[in-house]
Amino acid sequence: GGLFLLNCKDFQRDGRIMPVTGWHIATLTDLGFVVIDLRTLPAAGLPFTSAKPLSELVVVLRKERS
């Protein structure tokens, strides 16, 4: 019944966005976690790259009791 906080940001590879945030959320929900809250924050790209800024997500999940 505890909380799990996920702080994640997608990244770009070869000009394509890699949807790692969605993968993490899907995997955690498959493991029995339920999304309680989701916040989108502006996130800048790395200073040494030309990648566009992407959003950073903070997701609060709760593990359902077995």
C-alpha atoms as a PDB file:
ATOM      1  CA  GLY A   1       0.000   0.000   0.000  1.00  0.00           C
ATOM      2  CA  GLY A   2       3.007   2.351  -0.170  1.00  0.00           C
ATOM      3  CA  LEU A   3       3.577   5.225  -2.581  1.00  0.00           C
ATOM      4  CA  PHE A   4       5.998   5.191  -5.517  1.00  0.00           C
ATOM      5  CA  LEU A   5       7.208   8.468  -7.014  1.00  0.00           C
ATOM      6  CA  LEU A   6       8.441   8.315 -10.601  1.00  0.00           C
ATOM      7  CA  ASN A   7      10.335  11.314 -11.983  1.00  0.00           C
ATOM      8  CA  CYS A   8      11.017  10.664 -15.648  1.00  0.00           C
ATOM      9  CA  LYS A   9      11.651  12.438 -18.951  1.00  0.00           C
ATOM     10  CA  ASP A  10      11.603  11.096 -22.505  1.00  0.00           C
ATOM     11  CA  PHE A  11      14.710  11.692 -24.607  1.00  0.00           C
ATOM     12  CA  GLN A  12      15.591  12.036 -28.259  1.00  0.00           C
ATOM     13  CA  ARG A  13      17.698   9.619 -30.272  1.00  0.00           C
ATOM     14  CA  ASP A  14      18.431  10.249 -33.936  1.00  0.00           C
ATOM     15  CA  GLY A  15      15.751  12.960 -33.998  1.00  0.00           C
ATOM     16  CA  ARG A  16      13.033  10.653 -32.623  1.00  0.00           C
ATOM     17  CA  ILE A  17      11.493  10.869 -29.160  1.00  0.00           C
ATOM     18  CA  MET A  18      12.007   7.708 -27.110  1.00  0.00           C
ATOM     19  CA  PRO A  19       8.859   7.272 -24.965  1.00  0.00           C
ATOM     20  CA  VAL A  20      10.535   5.912 -21.852  1.00  0.00           C
ATOM     21  CA  THR A  21       8.079   7.616 -19.495  1.00  0.00           C
ATOM     22  CA  GLY A  22       5.131   5.752 -20.993  1.00  0.00           C
ATOM     23  CA  TRP A  23       7.080   2.487 -20.809  1.00  0.00           C
ATOM     24  CA  HIS A  24       7.807   2.994 -17.096  1.00  0.00           C
ATOM     25  CA  ILE A  25       4.182   3.859 -16.295  1.00  0.00           C
ATOM     26  CA  ALA A  26       2.876   0.850 -18.269  1.00  0.00           C
ATOM     27  CA  THR A  27       5.344  -1.495 -16.565  1.00  0.00           C
ATOM     28  CA  LEU A  28       4.467  -0.223 -13.093  1.00  0.00           C
ATOM     29  CA  THR A  29       0.719  -0.510 -13.720  1.00  0.00           C
ATOM     30  CA  ASP A  30       1.270  -4.062 -15.026  1.00  0.00           C
ATOM     31  CA  LEU A  31       2.966  -4.772 -11.678  1.00  0.00           C
ATOM     32  CA  GLY A  32      -0.133  -3.651  -9.778  1.00  0.00           C
ATOM     33  CA  PHE A  33       0.533   0.050  -9.222  1.00  0.00           C
ATOM     34  CA  VAL A  34      -2.245   2.604  -9.759  1.00  0.00           C
ATOM     35  CA  VAL A  35      -1.561   6.184 -10.911  1.00  0.00           C
ATOM     36  CA  ILE A  36      -2.746   8.581  -8.192  1.00  0.00           C
ATOM     37  CA  ASP A  37      -1.448  11.880  -9.604  1.00  0.00           C
ATOM     38  CA  LEU A  38       0.573  13.077 -12.582  1.00  0.00           C
ATOM     39  CA  ARG A  39       2.309  16.440 -12.895  1.00  0.00           C
ATOM     40  CA  THR A  40       3.960  17.830 -16.024  1.00  0.00           C
ATOM     41  CA  LEU A  41       6.933  20.140 -15.528  1.00  0.00           C
ATOM     42  CA  PRO A  42       8.934  22.016 -18.157  1.00  0.00           C
ATOM     43  CA  ALA A  43      12.332  20.411 -18.613  1.00  0.00           C
ATOM     44  CA  ALA A  44      15.192  21.780 -20.653  1.00  0.00           C
ATOM     45  CA  GLY A  45      17.333  19.615 -22.883  1.00  0.00           C
ATOM     46  CA  LEU A  46      20.903  18.902 -21.958  1.00  0.00           C
ATOM     47  CA  PRO A  47      23.122  21.975 -22.419  1.00  0.00           C
ATOM     48  CA  PHE A  48      25.550  20.166 -24.737  1.00  0.00           C
ATOM     49  CA  THR A  49      22.937  18.940 -27.214  1.00  0.00           C
ATOM     50  CA  SER A  50      20.604  20.496 -29.769  1.00  0.00           C
ATOM     51  CA  ALA A  51      17.678  18.330 -28.607  1.00  0.00           C
ATOM     52  CA  LYS A  52      14.399  20.153 -28.092  1.00  0.00           C
ATOM     53  CA  PRO A  53      13.205  20.580 -24.516  1.00  0.00           C
ATOM     54  CA  LEU A  54      10.813  17.870 -23.418  1.00  0.00           C
ATOM     55  CA  SER A  55       8.388  17.719 -20.539  1.00  0.00           C
ATOM     56  CA  GLU A  56       9.384  16.031 -17.328  1.00  0.00           C
ATOM     57  CA  LEU A  57       6.724  13.989 -15.552  1.00  0.00           C
ATOM     58  CA  VAL A  58       6.361  13.352 -11.859  1.00  0.00           C
ATOM     59  CA  VAL A  59       3.969  10.461 -11.329  1.00  0.00           C
ATOM     60  CA  VAL A  60       2.598   9.319  -7.973  1.00  0.00           C
ATOM     61  CA  LEU A  61       1.577   5.664  -7.907  1.00  0.00           C
ATOM     62  CA  ARG A  62       0.231   3.431  -5.143  1.00  0.00           C
ATOM     63  CA  LYS A  63       0.742  -0.311  -4.947  1.00  0.00           C
ATOM     64  CA  GLU A  64      -2.532  -2.169  -4.639  1.00  0.00           C
ATOM     65  CA  ARG A  65      -2.584  -4.664  -1.807  1.00  0.00           C
ATOM     66  CA  SER A  66      -2.587  -8.321  -2.830  1.00  0.00           C
END
